[in-house]
Amino acid sequence: MWNEENNKLKRSFVFADFSEAFAFMTRVALLAEQANHHPWWSNVYNRVDIELQTHDAGNIVTEKDRALAAAIDRLI
């Protein structure tokens, strides 16, 4: 579930191992590039943390962030 805090949508994803986490990140990267909306994220072993906010709108959460979050959720 995505949480909105500090003008960001945030979510953590946990996978079986690093390979699954990295494959997920690759799929997210393709979605982000299509949307021309790129997340802040980090990855340690099987965990991927993602934060979304729209820089062009003053670093707040917009519909662009919500749309990308929904698209990411559909990957799971």
C-alpha atoms as a PDB file:
ATOM      1  CA  MET A   1       0.000   0.000   0.000  1.00  0.00           C
ATOM      2  CA  TRP A   2       1.253   3.472  -0.882  1.00  0.00           C
ATOM      3  CA  ASN A   3       1.567   6.007   1.935  1.00  0.00           C
ATOM      4  CA  GLU A   4       1.528   9.745   1.374  1.00  0.00           C
ATOM      5  CA  GLU A   5       3.866  11.656   3.651  1.00  0.00           C
ATOM      6  CA  ASN A   6       6.052  14.734   3.286  1.00  0.00           C
ATOM      7  CA  ASN A   7       4.618  15.421  -0.184  1.00  0.00           C
ATOM      8  CA  LYS A   8       5.681  11.997  -1.466  1.00  0.00           C
ATOM      9  CA  LEU A   9       3.990   8.699  -2.247  1.00  0.00           C
ATOM     10  CA  LYS A  10       6.066   5.955  -0.635  1.00  0.00           C
ATOM     11  CA  ARG A  11       5.998   2.194  -0.787  1.00  0.00           C
ATOM     12  CA  SER A  12       8.366  -0.673  -0.025  1.00  0.00           C
ATOM     13  CA  PHE A  13       8.357  -3.958  -1.904  1.00  0.00           C
ATOM     14  CA  VAL A  14       9.957  -7.177  -0.667  1.00  0.00           C
ATOM     15  CA  PHE A  15      10.850 -10.074  -2.959  1.00  0.00           C
ATOM     16  CA  ALA A  16      12.295 -13.557  -2.565  1.00  0.00           C
ATOM     17  CA  ASP A  17      15.796 -12.459  -3.540  1.00  0.00           C
ATOM     18  CA  PHE A  18      17.906  -9.840  -5.285  1.00  0.00           C
ATOM     19  CA  SER A  19      17.172 -11.180  -8.780  1.00  0.00           C
ATOM     20  CA  GLU A  20      13.420 -10.779  -8.323  1.00  0.00           C
ATOM     21  CA  ALA A  21      13.872  -7.293  -6.873  1.00  0.00           C
ATOM     22  CA  PHE A  22      16.088  -6.242  -9.757  1.00  0.00           C
ATOM     23  CA  ALA A  23      13.684  -7.682 -12.345  1.00  0.00           C
ATOM     24  CA  PHE A  24      10.885  -5.656 -10.738  1.00  0.00           C
ATOM     25  CA  MET A  25      13.032  -2.518 -10.893  1.00  0.00           C
ATOM     26  CA  THR A  26      13.640  -3.135 -14.589  1.00  0.00           C
ATOM     27  CA  ARG A  27       9.901  -3.375 -15.245  1.00  0.00           C
ATOM     28  CA  VAL A  28       9.291  -0.202 -13.211  1.00  0.00           C
ATOM     29  CA  ALA A  29      12.030   1.570 -15.173  1.00  0.00           C
ATOM     30  CA  LEU A  30      10.237   0.797 -18.436  1.00  0.00           C
ATOM     31  CA  LEU A  31       6.949   2.153 -17.051  1.00  0.00           C
ATOM     32  CA  ALA A  32       8.657   5.269 -15.707  1.00  0.00           C
ATOM     33  CA  GLU A  33      10.348   5.960 -19.024  1.00  0.00           C
ATOM     34  CA  GLN A  34       7.042   5.572 -20.874  1.00  0.00           C
ATOM     35  CA  ALA A  35       5.416   8.034 -18.490  1.00  0.00           C
ATOM     36  CA  ASN A  36       8.462  10.343 -18.518  1.00  0.00           C
ATOM     37  CA  HIS A  37       8.147  10.317 -14.733  1.00  0.00           C
ATOM     38  CA  HIS A  38      11.076   8.873 -12.846  1.00  0.00           C
ATOM     39  CA  PRO A  39      10.993   7.721  -9.221  1.00  0.00           C
ATOM     40  CA  TRP A  40      13.489   8.052  -6.429  1.00  0.00           C
ATOM     41  CA  TRP A  41      14.256   4.532  -5.344  1.00  0.00           C
ATOM     42  CA  SER A  42      16.714   2.364  -3.505  1.00  0.00           C
ATOM     43  CA  ASN A  43      17.425  -1.329  -3.485  1.00  0.00           C
ATOM     44  CA  VAL A  44      19.126  -3.496  -0.881  1.00  0.00           C
ATOM     45  CA  TYR A  45      19.101  -7.220  -1.555  1.00  0.00           C
ATOM     46  CA  ASN A  46      15.409  -8.189  -1.820  1.00  0.00           C
ATOM     47  CA  ARG A  47      13.858  -4.830  -0.884  1.00  0.00           C
ATOM     48  CA  VAL A  48      12.933  -1.951  -3.184  1.00  0.00           C
ATOM     49  CA  ASP A  49      11.822   1.389  -1.721  1.00  0.00           C
ATOM     50  CA  ILE A  50      10.107   3.843  -4.071  1.00  0.00           C
ATOM     51  CA  GLU A  51       9.155   7.492  -3.589  1.00  0.00           C
ATOM     52  CA  LEU A  52       7.113   9.466  -6.098  1.00  0.00           C
ATOM     53  CA  GLN A  53       6.568  13.221  -6.353  1.00  0.00           C
ATOM     54  CA  THR A  54       6.253  15.639  -9.254  1.00  0.00           C
ATOM     55  CA  HIS A  55       9.224  17.987  -9.358  1.00  0.00           C
ATOM     56  CA  ASP A  56       7.703  20.220 -12.058  1.00  0.00           C
ATOM     57  CA  ALA A  57       4.710  20.895  -9.777  1.00  0.00           C
ATOM     58  CA  GLY A  58       6.850  22.005  -6.837  1.00  0.00           C
ATOM     59  CA  ASN A  59       7.731  18.610  -5.350  1.00  0.00           C
ATOM     60  CA  ILE A  60       4.209  17.578  -4.436  1.00  0.00           C
ATOM     61  CA  VAL A  61       2.077  14.506  -5.149  1.00  0.00           C
ATOM     62  CA  THR A  62       0.032  14.878  -8.322  1.00  0.00           C
ATOM     63  CA  GLU A  63      -2.118  12.683 -10.532  1.00  0.00           C
ATOM     64  CA  LYS A  64       1.056  11.815 -12.443  1.00  0.00           C
ATOM     65  CA  ASP A  65       2.418  10.166  -9.283  1.00  0.00           C
ATOM     66  CA  ARG A  66      -0.840   8.378  -8.544  1.00  0.00           C
ATOM     67  CA  ALA A  67      -0.988   7.039 -12.117  1.00  0.00           C
ATOM     68  CA  LEU A  68       2.570   5.698 -11.950  1.00  0.00           C
ATOM     69  CA  ALA A  69       1.900   4.175  -8.516  1.00  0.00           C
ATOM     70  CA  ALA A  70      -1.160   2.372  -9.904  1.00  0.00           C
ATOM     71  CA  ALA A  71       0.856   1.110 -12.881  1.00  0.00           C
ATOM     72  CA  ILE A  72       3.584  -0.159 -10.526  1.00  0.00           C
ATOM     73  CA  ASP A  73       0.948  -1.926  -8.414  1.00  0.00           C
ATOM     74  CA  ARG A  74      -0.302  -3.750 -11.507  1.00  0.00           C
ATOM     75  CA  LEU A  75       3.175  -5.303 -11.889  1.00  0.00           C
ATOM     76  CA  ILE A  76       2.783  -7.177  -8.608  1.00  0.00           C
END
